[in-house]
Every structure is written in structure tokens, then in C-alpha cells.
Amino acid sequence: MPTFPTSGVQEARTALAARLRELRLDAGITGKELAARCDWSVAKSSRIENAVTAPSDADIRAWCAACGDDGQAADLIAANRQADALYLQWKRVQRTGMKRLAESSAKLYERTRLFRVYASHVIPGYLQTPGYATALMGTIAAFRGTPDDVGEAVEVRMRRARVVHEGDHRFATLIEENVLHHRVGDENVMAGQLGSLLAAMSLPSMSIGIVPAAAGREAVMWPLEQFTVFDDARIHVELLAAKVTITAPGELDIYLRAFARLTELAVYGPEARALILKAIAAQS
């Protein structure tokens, strides 16, 4: 049984299930009769109608046919896929490799004016060096068993990162101190990445804050999942198994409030540089 990690995803599933139920009721048939027409168990039709199980495209077509209204299938399938887009399993989007995933977000990066990024696991993609990105993507590809197109994916990521230097984009970046010490690649890769991070602090478009490991956590009690805010309209949350897209206003507000509180915990300027230099020294 799938789980939906945000209320926005569940709301989309519930709305679709309600439309399917209305279609059945309009047809004047019971759940048991619908199941018989589709050659399903009654339990399956009940799970779909109660938003417990997400239907496949074929399930929706069969449901509409059983209700004598094939004309509804296309719209319902589109709604189902939109709900799917809110929760994308990495194994699905990376099944042909990592290049396609990197390409899919290029236009979003180009049109976004204000990026707010909280990094609790790894250096944000737009600040990664080629060496760091190669080591990181190689580890991910090996762990997830995806096709190895790391070299091509890194090239796409580097092209996407040009937004840091081009156009009128602005970046507010918060990085947990532990990310500076989490080794990705060898010590040379890490030293290069941390040196590049120091250089990025001088960019006019860039604000970089480091959240010290010793910071008090009264306002935000624990490191959160890594997330990126695109303007004020969309948030991507990175989980181990999936990327969650948040667009519901209430959920957007929760993450924006968390980002604001983390901003208060972070240190900037000389204090941030000192933490990065400390991490560089620890690599040797």
C-alpha cells in the first residue's frame, strides 16, 4: 500500500478517488458490480475509491468502461499523472540514468528568480564542482542500480549551474556544518569543493550561511530533509526514495517558516568562512 508523505499528494489522490466514485454512482452500480465488470476483487475497487491505492492508467480506463463513460478516461488519467508528479520515486525517474533527471529541471532553474536552498546532506547542485558531482552521482547510481551515465549527467548539471553567474537569479543557501565534513570523493575532491564554496561566497547573487553543529535547536529542533524553494511557488524535498514536490500554500508556508528560522541559526561572512576553513584543514 503506497504512502503519501504530504497532505498535498493525499489531497490530489482523494480528489481523484471522489471523481471515480461519482462516476460509479452516476452509472447506478455498486462497488461489487463495478469490480465484477472490471474482473477485479471488491477489495481493489474499494482501495481505489477510498484513495488507499493509486490506480494505474489501465485501471482508470477499465473503471470508466465499466461505468459506460469512456469519455472521462483521458481527463482522469491526466489528473492521476499530475498527482504522481507530486511524488516521484527516484527509481522511476532514474531508470534510464541520471542525465534525464538533470535535464528535466533545467527550464525550472532558468525561470526561477529566487532560490532558497537548505542543504542537510550534500552541497547544493548549483555549487558543486565537477569532481564532487561525479563522486556523488557515482555513489547514487551504484546504490540505486541505475544505468551509469554519470559523465553526461555531470555535464548537464554544470550547464544548469550557469544560472549562478548569468541573469538576475538570486540564491539564499543554508548548509548544515556536517555537510562540510561529509566526505564525497577523496580528500582532493573535498578540498576543491570546499575551496569553491569559499569562492562562491563573494558572488553578488549568492548568500551562503552555515548552520553550526553546535547551534541551539530551540526554534528548529533537528536537521530537516534537504529542500529547494523555487520563488514562492514550488518546493522540491529530497527523500531517500523519492522527490516530493510541494505546491499547496499551507505546506509551502511550513517550509518557508522553517527556512526563516534556520536562517537565524546560521552564521555568515567571517564566521562561515572559518567553519569552511576548519573543514578544509580536517581533510588533510
C-alpha atoms as a PDB file:
ATOM      1  CA  MET A   1       0.000   0.000   0.000  1.00  0.00           C
ATOM      2  CA  PRO A   2       1.614   3.279  -1.041  1.00  0.00           C
ATOM      3  CA  THR A   3       2.080   6.071   1.411  1.00  0.00           C
ATOM      4  CA  PHE A   4       1.820   9.746   0.546  1.00  0.00           C
ATOM      5  CA  PRO A   5       4.250  11.898   2.547  1.00  0.00           C
ATOM      6  CA  THR A   6       2.487  15.245   2.182  1.00  0.00           C
ATOM      7  CA  SER A   7      -1.115  16.290   2.504  1.00  0.00           C
ATOM      8  CA  GLY A   8      -0.936  17.841  -0.977  1.00  0.00           C
ATOM      9  CA  VAL A   9      -0.301  14.456  -2.544  1.00  0.00           C
ATOM     10  CA  GLN A  10      -3.065  12.856  -0.488  1.00  0.00           C
ATOM     11  CA  GLU A  11      -5.495  15.633  -1.380  1.00  0.00           C
ATOM     12  CA  ALA A  12      -4.850  15.041  -5.091  1.00  0.00           C
ATOM     13  CA  ARG A  13      -5.409  11.302  -4.624  1.00  0.00           C
ATOM     14  CA  THR A  14      -8.580  11.880  -2.623  1.00  0.00           C
ATOM     15  CA  ALA A  15      -9.977  14.257  -5.256  1.00  0.00           C
ATOM     16  CA  LEU A  16      -9.353  11.687  -7.998  1.00  0.00           C
ATOM     17  CA  ALA A  17     -10.954   8.932  -5.923  1.00  0.00           C
ATOM     18  CA  ALA A  18     -14.017  11.133  -5.360  1.00  0.00           C
ATOM     19  CA  ARG A  19     -14.385  11.658  -9.113  1.00  0.00           C
ATOM     20  CA  LEU A  20     -14.216   7.900  -9.693  1.00  0.00           C
ATOM     21  CA  ARG A  21     -16.833   7.308  -7.016  1.00  0.00           C
ATOM     22  CA  GLU A  22     -19.128   9.903  -8.587  1.00  0.00           C
ATOM     23  CA  LEU A  23     -18.700   8.176 -11.939  1.00  0.00           C
ATOM     24  CA  ARG A  24     -19.767   4.862 -10.396  1.00  0.00           C
ATOM     25  CA  LEU A  25     -22.747   6.412  -8.624  1.00  0.00           C
ATOM     26  CA  ASP A  26     -23.863   8.203 -11.790  1.00  0.00           C
ATOM     27  CA  ALA A  27     -23.767   4.832 -13.552  1.00  0.00           C
ATOM     28  CA  GLY A  28     -26.051   3.409 -10.849  1.00  0.00           C
ATOM     29  CA  ILE A  29     -23.832   0.442  -9.986  1.00  0.00           C
ATOM     30  CA  THR A  30     -22.405  -0.831  -6.717  1.00  0.00           C
ATOM     31  CA  GLY A  31     -18.755  -1.290  -5.918  1.00  0.00           C
ATOM     32  CA  LYS A  32     -19.270  -5.025  -6.109  1.00  0.00           C
ATOM     33  CA  GLU A  33     -20.793  -4.770  -9.586  1.00  0.00           C
ATOM     34  CA  LEU A  34     -18.002  -2.476 -10.775  1.00  0.00           C
ATOM     35  CA  ALA A  35     -15.418  -4.954  -9.535  1.00  0.00           C
ATOM     36  CA  ALA A  36     -17.162  -7.772 -11.397  1.00  0.00           C
ATOM     37  CA  ARG A  37     -17.240  -5.770 -14.636  1.00  0.00           C
ATOM     38  CA  CYS A  38     -13.523  -4.984 -14.306  1.00  0.00           C
ATOM     39  CA  ASP A  39     -12.665  -8.554 -13.257  1.00  0.00           C
ATOM     40  CA  TRP A  40     -11.183  -7.253 -10.009  1.00  0.00           C
ATOM     41  CA  SER A  41     -11.619  -8.135  -6.384  1.00  0.00           C
ATOM     42  CA  VAL A  42     -14.072  -5.979  -4.462  1.00  0.00           C
ATOM     43  CA  ALA A  43     -11.166  -5.035  -2.212  1.00  0.00           C
ATOM     44  CA  LYS A  44      -9.272  -3.496  -5.132  1.00  0.00           C
ATOM     45  CA  SER A  45     -12.139  -1.267  -6.235  1.00  0.00           C
ATOM     46  CA  SER A  46     -12.670  -0.225  -2.616  1.00  0.00           C
ATOM     47  CA  ARG A  47      -8.986   0.677  -2.152  1.00  0.00           C
ATOM     48  CA  ILE A  48      -9.041   2.813  -5.299  1.00  0.00           C
ATOM     49  CA  GLU A  49     -12.311   4.525  -4.392  1.00  0.00           C
ATOM     50  CA  ASN A  50     -11.034   5.326  -0.888  1.00  0.00           C
ATOM     51  CA  ALA A  51      -7.673   6.693  -2.110  1.00  0.00           C
ATOM     52  CA  VAL A  52      -5.764   3.896  -0.419  1.00  0.00           C
ATOM     53  CA  THR A  53      -4.265   2.560  -3.660  1.00  0.00           C
ATOM     54  CA  ALA A  54      -3.283   4.738  -6.598  1.00  0.00           C
ATOM     55  CA  PRO A  55      -4.904   3.448  -9.825  1.00  0.00           C
ATOM     56  CA  SER A  56      -2.919   2.766 -12.971  1.00  0.00           C
ATOM     57  CA  ASP A  57      -3.898   4.229 -16.340  1.00  0.00           C
ATOM     58  CA  ALA A  58      -5.353   0.827 -17.242  1.00  0.00           C
ATOM     59  CA  ASP A  59      -7.376   0.772 -14.002  1.00  0.00           C
ATOM     60  CA  ILE A  60      -8.917   4.151 -14.830  1.00  0.00           C
ATOM     61  CA  ARG A  61      -9.809   3.066 -18.374  1.00  0.00           C
ATOM     62  CA  ALA A  62     -11.413  -0.111 -17.026  1.00  0.00           C
ATOM     63  CA  TRP A  63     -13.334   1.894 -14.395  1.00  0.00           C
ATOM     64  CA  CYS A  64     -14.697   4.312 -16.996  1.00  0.00           C
ATOM     65  CA  ALA A  65     -15.643   1.479 -19.343  1.00  0.00           C
ATOM     66  CA  ALA A  66     -17.441  -0.334 -16.527  1.00  0.00           C
ATOM     67  CA  CYS A  67     -19.408   2.847 -15.859  1.00  0.00           C
ATOM     68  CA  GLY A  68     -20.216   3.308 -19.544  1.00  0.00           C
ATOM     69  CA  ASP A  69     -18.359   6.621 -19.792  1.00  0.00           C
ATOM     70  CA  ASP A  70     -15.102   6.114 -21.703  1.00  0.00           C
ATOM     71  CA  GLY A  71     -15.012   9.837 -22.479  1.00  0.00           C
ATOM     72  CA  GLN A  72     -13.944  10.618 -18.900  1.00  0.00           C
ATOM     73  CA  ALA A  73     -10.839   8.436 -19.052  1.00  0.00           C
ATOM     74  CA  ALA A  74      -8.416  10.944 -20.592  1.00  0.00           C
ATOM     75  CA  ASP A  75      -9.155  13.674 -18.035  1.00  0.00           C
ATOM     76  CA  LEU A  76      -8.983  11.274 -15.112  1.00  0.00           C
ATOM     77  CA  ILE A  77      -5.691   9.795 -16.319  1.00  0.00           C
ATOM     78  CA  ALA A  78      -4.257  13.316 -16.613  1.00  0.00           C
ATOM     79  CA  ALA A  79      -5.341  14.068 -13.037  1.00  0.00           C
ATOM     80  CA  ASN A  80      -3.807  10.808 -11.876  1.00  0.00           C
ATOM     81  CA  ARG A  81      -0.481  11.617 -13.526  1.00  0.00           C
ATOM     82  CA  GLN A  82      -0.495  15.088 -12.019  1.00  0.00           C
ATOM     83  CA  ALA A  83      -0.836  13.507  -8.591  1.00  0.00           C
ATOM     84  CA  ASP A  84       2.013  11.126  -9.484  1.00  0.00           C
ATOM     85  CA  ALA A  85       4.218  14.107 -10.334  1.00  0.00           C
ATOM     86  CA  LEU A  86       3.984  15.330  -6.750  1.00  0.00           C
ATOM     87  CA  TYR A  87       5.736  12.175  -5.529  1.00  0.00           C
ATOM     88  CA  LEU A  88       8.385  10.861  -7.913  1.00  0.00           C
ATOM     89  CA  GLN A  89      10.289   7.764  -6.918  1.00  0.00           C
ATOM     90  CA  TRP A  90      13.963   8.049  -7.836  1.00  0.00           C
ATOM     91  CA  LYS A  91      13.911   4.530  -9.288  1.00  0.00           C
ATOM     92  CA  ARG A  92      11.276   5.704 -11.786  1.00  0.00           C
ATOM     93  CA  VAL A  93      12.883   8.960 -12.902  1.00  0.00           C
ATOM     94  CA  GLN A  94      16.385   7.477 -12.940  1.00  0.00           C
ATOM     95  CA  ARG A  95      15.549   4.163 -14.584  1.00  0.00           C
ATOM     96  CA  THR A  96      17.361   5.249 -17.786  1.00  0.00           C
ATOM     97  CA  GLY A  97      20.170   7.033 -15.935  1.00  0.00           C
ATOM     98  CA  MET A  98      20.740  10.367 -14.219  1.00  0.00           C
ATOM     99  CA  LYS A  99      21.153  12.663 -17.243  1.00  0.00           C
ATOM    100  CA  ARG A 100      17.411  12.770 -17.981  1.00  0.00           C
ATOM    101  CA  LEU A 101      16.595  13.850 -14.434  1.00  0.00           C
ATOM    102  CA  ALA A 102      19.161  16.653 -14.544  1.00  0.00           C
ATOM    103  CA  GLU A 103      17.778  17.862 -17.889  1.00  0.00           C
ATOM    104  CA  SER A 104      14.189  17.856 -16.632  1.00  0.00           C
ATOM    105  CA  SER A 105      14.814  20.702 -14.190  1.00  0.00           C
ATOM    106  CA  ALA A 106      16.840  22.967 -16.499  1.00  0.00           C
ATOM    107  CA  LYS A 107      13.912  25.194 -17.515  1.00  0.00           C
ATOM    108  CA  LEU A 108      12.739  25.494 -13.901  1.00  0.00           C
ATOM    109  CA  TYR A 109      16.208  26.765 -12.944  1.00  0.00           C
ATOM    110  CA  GLU A 110      16.199  29.250 -15.802  1.00  0.00           C
ATOM    111  CA  ARG A 111      12.854  30.826 -14.889  1.00  0.00           C
ATOM    112  CA  THR A 112      13.335  30.899 -11.115  1.00  0.00           C
ATOM    113  CA  ARG A 113      14.476  34.249  -9.769  1.00  0.00           C
ATOM    114  CA  LEU A 114      14.905  33.472  -6.059  1.00  0.00           C
ATOM    115  CA  PHE A 115      16.312  30.139  -4.919  1.00  0.00           C
ATOM    116  CA  ARG A 116      16.238  29.268  -1.237  1.00  0.00           C
ATOM    117  CA  VAL A 117      18.095  26.059  -0.508  1.00  0.00           C
ATOM    118  CA  TYR A 118      18.574  24.189   2.736  1.00  0.00           C
ATOM    119  CA  ALA A 119      21.301  21.557   2.459  1.00  0.00           C
ATOM    120  CA  SER A 120      21.440  18.990   5.240  1.00  0.00           C
ATOM    121  CA  HIS A 121      23.124  16.117   3.356  1.00  0.00           C
ATOM    122  CA  VAL A 122      25.243  17.326   0.426  1.00  0.00           C
ATOM    123  CA  ILE A 123      26.438  20.562  -1.195  1.00  0.00           C
ATOM    124  CA  PRO A 124      23.625  22.021  -3.363  1.00  0.00           C
ATOM    125  CA  GLY A 125      23.874  21.083  -7.038  1.00  0.00           C
ATOM    126  CA  TYR A 126      24.470  24.620  -8.321  1.00  0.00           C
ATOM    127  CA  LEU A 127      27.535  24.921  -6.050  1.00  0.00           C
ATOM    128  CA  GLN A 128      29.048  21.504  -6.798  1.00  0.00           C
ATOM    129  CA  THR A 129      32.374  21.129  -8.547  1.00  0.00           C
ATOM    130  CA  PRO A 130      32.641  18.571 -11.370  1.00  0.00           C
ATOM    131  CA  GLY A 131      34.709  16.296  -9.135  1.00  0.00           C
ATOM    132  CA  TYR A 132      32.229  16.420  -6.265  1.00  0.00           C
ATOM    133  CA  ALA A 133      29.248  15.923  -8.594  1.00  0.00           C
ATOM    134  CA  THR A 134      30.956  12.958 -10.281  1.00  0.00           C
ATOM    135  CA  ALA A 135      31.719  11.251  -6.977  1.00  0.00           C
ATOM    136  CA  LEU A 136      28.246  11.930  -5.604  1.00  0.00           C
ATOM    137  CA  MET A 137      26.360  10.767  -8.693  1.00  0.00           C
ATOM    138  CA  GLY A 138      28.561   7.701  -8.965  1.00  0.00           C
ATOM    139  CA  THR A 139      27.651   6.714  -5.421  1.00  0.00           C
ATOM    140  CA  ILE A 140      23.941   7.322  -6.064  1.00  0.00           C
ATOM    141  CA  ALA A 141      23.966   5.352  -9.321  1.00  0.00           C
ATOM    142  CA  ALA A 142      25.689   2.404  -7.616  1.00  0.00           C
ATOM    143  CA  PHE A 143      23.292   2.469  -4.655  1.00  0.00           C
ATOM    144  CA  ARG A 144      20.156   2.687  -6.774  1.00  0.00           C
ATOM    145  CA  GLY A 145      21.405   0.376  -9.518  1.00  0.00           C
ATOM    146  CA  THR A 146      20.727   2.882 -12.297  1.00  0.00           C
ATOM    147  CA  PRO A 147      22.484   2.933 -15.688  1.00  0.00           C
ATOM    148  CA  ASP A 148      25.861   4.651 -15.466  1.00  0.00           C
ATOM    149  CA  ASP A 149      25.619   7.895 -17.419  1.00  0.00           C
ATOM    150  CA  VAL A 150      27.307   9.908 -14.679  1.00  0.00           C
ATOM    151  CA  GLY A 151      29.667  11.753 -17.011  1.00  0.00           C
ATOM    152  CA  GLU A 152      26.804  13.068 -19.143  1.00  0.00           C
ATOM    153  CA  ALA A 153      24.691  13.895 -16.100  1.00  0.00           C
ATOM    154  CA  VAL A 154      27.537  15.916 -14.580  1.00  0.00           C
ATOM    155  CA  GLU A 155      27.883  17.910 -17.794  1.00  0.00           C
ATOM    156  CA  VAL A 156      24.171  18.743 -17.665  1.00  0.00           C
ATOM    157  CA  ARG A 157      24.434  19.759 -14.001  1.00  0.00           C
ATOM    158  CA  MET A 158      27.359  22.049 -14.745  1.00  0.00           C
ATOM    159  CA  ARG A 159      25.435  23.716 -17.579  1.00  0.00           C
ATOM    160  CA  ARG A 160      22.419  24.128 -15.330  1.00  0.00           C
ATOM    161  CA  ALA A 161      24.627  25.756 -12.699  1.00  0.00           C
ATOM    162  CA  ARG A 162      25.394  28.656 -15.048  1.00  0.00           C
ATOM    163  CA  VAL A 163      22.342  30.371 -13.573  1.00  0.00           C
ATOM    164  CA  VAL A 164      24.606  31.279 -10.653  1.00  0.00           C
ATOM    165  CA  HIS A 165      26.611  33.559 -12.941  1.00  0.00           C
ATOM    166  CA  GLU A 166      24.029  34.539 -15.563  1.00  0.00           C
ATOM    167  CA  GLY A 167      20.810  36.528 -15.460  1.00  0.00           C
ATOM    168  CA  ASP A 168      19.156  38.101 -12.432  1.00  0.00           C
ATOM    169  CA  HIS A 169      18.880  34.983 -10.269  1.00  0.00           C
ATOM    170  CA  ARG A 170      19.467  35.219  -6.508  1.00  0.00           C
ATOM    171  CA  PHE A 171      20.466  32.412  -4.166  1.00  0.00           C
ATOM    172  CA  ALA A 172      19.944  32.128  -0.414  1.00  0.00           C
ATOM    173  CA  THR A 173      21.802  28.996   0.652  1.00  0.00           C
ATOM    174  CA  LEU A 174      21.894  27.388   4.094  1.00  0.00           C
ATOM    175  CA  ILE A 175      24.266  24.476   4.662  1.00  0.00           C
ATOM    176  CA  GLU A 176      24.482  22.357   7.801  1.00  0.00           C
ATOM    177  CA  GLU A 177      28.058  22.263   9.103  1.00  0.00           C
ATOM    178  CA  ASN A 178      28.129  18.455   8.958  1.00  0.00           C
ATOM    179  CA  VAL A 179      27.826  18.673   5.141  1.00  0.00           C
ATOM    180  CA  LEU A 180      31.281  20.295   5.079  1.00  0.00           C
ATOM    181  CA  HIS A 181      32.744  17.226   6.792  1.00  0.00           C
ATOM    182  CA  HIS A 182      30.758  14.533   5.000  1.00  0.00           C
ATOM    183  CA  ARG A 183      33.359  13.225   2.548  1.00  0.00           C
ATOM    184  CA  VAL A 184      32.200  12.808  -1.030  1.00  0.00           C
ATOM    185  CA  GLY A 185      35.066  11.550  -3.182  1.00  0.00           C
ATOM    186  CA  ASP A 186      38.641  11.674  -1.906  1.00  0.00           C
ATOM    187  CA  GLU A 187      40.308  14.416   0.131  1.00  0.00           C
ATOM    188  CA  ASN A 188      41.357  16.311  -3.017  1.00  0.00           C
ATOM    189  CA  VAL A 189      37.774  16.359  -4.286  1.00  0.00           C
ATOM    190  CA  MET A 190      36.555  17.650  -0.919  1.00  0.00           C
ATOM    191  CA  ALA A 191      39.287  20.274  -0.632  1.00  0.00           C
ATOM    192  CA  GLY A 192      38.431  21.502  -4.128  1.00  0.00           C
ATOM    193  CA  GLN A 193      34.725  21.596  -3.342  1.00  0.00           C
ATOM    194  CA  LEU A 194      35.204  23.498  -0.111  1.00  0.00           C
ATOM    195  CA  GLY A 195      37.578  25.937  -1.785  1.00  0.00           C
ATOM    196  CA  SER A 196      34.977  26.517  -4.486  1.00  0.00           C
ATOM    197  CA  LEU A 197      32.376  27.125  -1.777  1.00  0.00           C
ATOM    198  CA  LEU A 198      34.596  29.814  -0.259  1.00  0.00           C
ATOM    199  CA  ALA A 199      34.924  31.485  -3.656  1.00  0.00           C
ATOM    200  CA  ALA A 200      31.153  31.391  -4.204  1.00  0.00           C
ATOM    201  CA  MET A 201      30.609  33.454  -1.052  1.00  0.00           C
ATOM    202  CA  SER A 202      31.925  36.510  -2.897  1.00  0.00           C
ATOM    203  CA  LEU A 203      29.406  36.247  -5.745  1.00  0.00           C
ATOM    204  CA  PRO A 204      26.943  39.173  -5.745  1.00  0.00           C
ATOM    205  CA  SER A 205      23.993  36.832  -6.388  1.00  0.00           C
ATOM    206  CA  MET A 206      24.884  34.477  -3.548  1.00  0.00           C
ATOM    207  CA  SER A 207      24.208  34.408   0.196  1.00  0.00           C
ATOM    208  CA  ILE A 208      25.738  31.415   1.977  1.00  0.00           C
ATOM    209  CA  GLY A 209      25.076  30.667   5.611  1.00  0.00           C
ATOM    210  CA  ILE A 210      26.470  27.754   7.602  1.00  0.00           C
ATOM    211  CA  VAL A 211      24.337  26.286  10.386  1.00  0.00           C
ATOM    212  CA  PRO A 212      26.867  25.360  13.106  1.00  0.00           C
ATOM    213  CA  ALA A 213      26.682  21.868  14.531  1.00  0.00           C
ATOM    214  CA  ALA A 214      26.632  23.432  17.991  1.00  0.00           C
ATOM    215  CA  ALA A 215      23.760  25.807  17.207  1.00  0.00           C
ATOM    216  CA  GLY A 216      20.851  25.777  19.638  1.00  0.00           C
ATOM    217  CA  ARG A 217      17.859  23.987  18.165  1.00  0.00           C
ATOM    218  CA  GLU A 218      15.074  25.528  20.197  1.00  0.00           C
ATOM    219  CA  ALA A 219      13.417  27.074  17.112  1.00  0.00           C
ATOM    220  CA  VAL A 220      14.063  24.126  14.749  1.00  0.00           C
ATOM    221  CA  MET A 221      14.997  21.126  16.839  1.00  0.00           C
ATOM    222  CA  TRP A 222      16.661  18.903  14.277  1.00  0.00           C
ATOM    223  CA  PRO A 223      18.246  18.994  10.807  1.00  0.00           C
ATOM    224  CA  LEU A 224      15.474  18.702   8.226  1.00  0.00           C
ATOM    225  CA  GLU A 225      15.322  16.934   4.890  1.00  0.00           C
ATOM    226  CA  GLN A 226      17.166  18.762   2.101  1.00  0.00           C
ATOM    227  CA  PHE A 227      14.868  21.093   0.151  1.00  0.00           C
ATOM    228  CA  THR A 228      14.854  23.800  -2.519  1.00  0.00           C
ATOM    229  CA  VAL A 229      12.349  26.651  -2.735  1.00  0.00           C
ATOM    230  CA  PHE A 230      11.748  27.978  -6.250  1.00  0.00           C
ATOM    231  CA  ASP A 231      10.488  31.547  -5.827  1.00  0.00           C
ATOM    232  CA  ASP A 232       7.464  31.231  -3.509  1.00  0.00           C
ATOM    233  CA  ALA A 233       5.546  28.795  -5.684  1.00  0.00           C
ATOM    234  CA  ARG A 234       7.200  25.383  -5.537  1.00  0.00           C
ATOM    235  CA  ILE A 235       9.402  23.315  -3.243  1.00  0.00           C
ATOM    236  CA  HIS A 236      11.329  20.146  -4.023  1.00  0.00           C
ATOM    237  CA  VAL A 237      12.041  17.947  -0.998  1.00  0.00           C
ATOM    238  CA  GLU A 238      14.667  15.234  -1.386  1.00  0.00           C
ATOM    239  CA  LEU A 239      13.923  11.970   0.398  1.00  0.00           C
ATOM    240  CA  LEU A 240      15.928   8.769   0.226  1.00  0.00           C
ATOM    241  CA  ALA A 241      13.418   7.068  -2.067  1.00  0.00           C
ATOM    242  CA  ALA A 242      11.722   9.967  -3.824  1.00  0.00           C
ATOM    243  CA  LYS A 243      11.460  13.646  -4.677  1.00  0.00           C
ATOM    244  CA  VAL A 244       8.366  15.320  -3.302  1.00  0.00           C
ATOM    245  CA  THR A 245       7.000  18.455  -4.976  1.00  0.00           C
ATOM    246  CA  ILE A 246       5.072  20.819  -2.723  1.00  0.00           C
ATOM    247  CA  THR A 247       2.745  23.472  -4.118  1.00  0.00           C
ATOM    248  CA  ALA A 248      -0.064  23.592  -1.531  1.00  0.00           C
ATOM    249  CA  PRO A 249       0.002  27.026   0.168  1.00  0.00           C
ATOM    250  CA  GLY A 250      -0.204  25.617   3.690  1.00  0.00           C
ATOM    251  CA  GLU A 251       2.745  23.303   3.152  1.00  0.00           C
ATOM    252  CA  LEU A 252       4.745  25.991   1.363  1.00  0.00           C
ATOM    253  CA  ASP A 253       4.284  28.175   4.428  1.00  0.00           C
ATOM    254  CA  ILE A 254       5.622  25.483   6.766  1.00  0.00           C
ATOM    255  CA  TYR A 255       8.856  25.139   4.793  1.00  0.00           C
ATOM    256  CA  LEU A 256       9.264  28.898   4.347  1.00  0.00           C
ATOM    257  CA  ARG A 257       8.869  29.394   8.104  1.00  0.00           C
ATOM    258  CA  ALA A 258      11.406  26.638   8.756  1.00  0.00           C
ATOM    259  CA  PHE A 259      13.832  28.272   6.313  1.00  0.00           C
ATOM    260  CA  ALA A 260      13.414  31.612   8.071  1.00  0.00           C
ATOM    261  CA  ARG A 261      14.209  30.055  11.437  1.00  0.00           C
ATOM    262  CA  LEU A 262      17.221  28.184  10.062  1.00  0.00           C
ATOM    263  CA  THR A 263      18.430  31.480   8.607  1.00  0.00           C
ATOM    264  CA  GLU A 264      18.559  32.831  12.148  1.00  0.00           C
ATOM    265  CA  LEU A 265      20.636  29.843  13.297  1.00  0.00           C
ATOM    266  CA  ALA A 266      23.200  30.200  10.507  1.00  0.00           C
ATOM    267  CA  VAL A 267      26.423  32.215  10.602  1.00  0.00           C
ATOM    268  CA  TYR A 268      27.666  34.296   7.683  1.00  0.00           C
ATOM    269  CA  GLY A 269      30.752  36.126   6.453  1.00  0.00           C
ATOM    270  CA  PRO A 270      33.925  35.598   8.520  1.00  0.00           C
ATOM    271  CA  GLU A 271      32.239  33.101  10.870  1.00  0.00           C
ATOM    272  CA  ALA A 272      31.027  30.968   7.957  1.00  0.00           C
ATOM    273  CA  ARG A 273      34.438  31.174   6.284  1.00  0.00           C
ATOM    274  CA  ALA A 274      36.076  29.988   9.499  1.00  0.00           C
ATOM    275  CA  LEU A 275      33.871  26.869   9.569  1.00  0.00           C
ATOM    276  CA  ILE A 276      34.670  26.097   5.926  1.00  0.00           C
ATOM    277  CA  LEU A 277      38.416  26.606   6.505  1.00  0.00           C
ATOM    278  CA  LYS A 278      38.178  24.307   9.526  1.00  0.00           C
ATOM    279  CA  ALA A 279      36.600  21.649   7.313  1.00  0.00           C
ATOM    280  CA  ILE A 280      39.315  22.112   4.658  1.00  0.00           C
ATOM    281  CA  ALA A 281      42.015  21.626   7.325  1.00  0.00           C
ATOM    282  CA  ALA A 282      40.282  18.469   8.518  1.00  0.00           C
ATOM    283  CA  GLN A 283      40.622  16.919   5.027  1.00  0.00           C
ATOM    284  CA  SER A 284      44.402  16.622   5.298  1.00  0.00           C
END
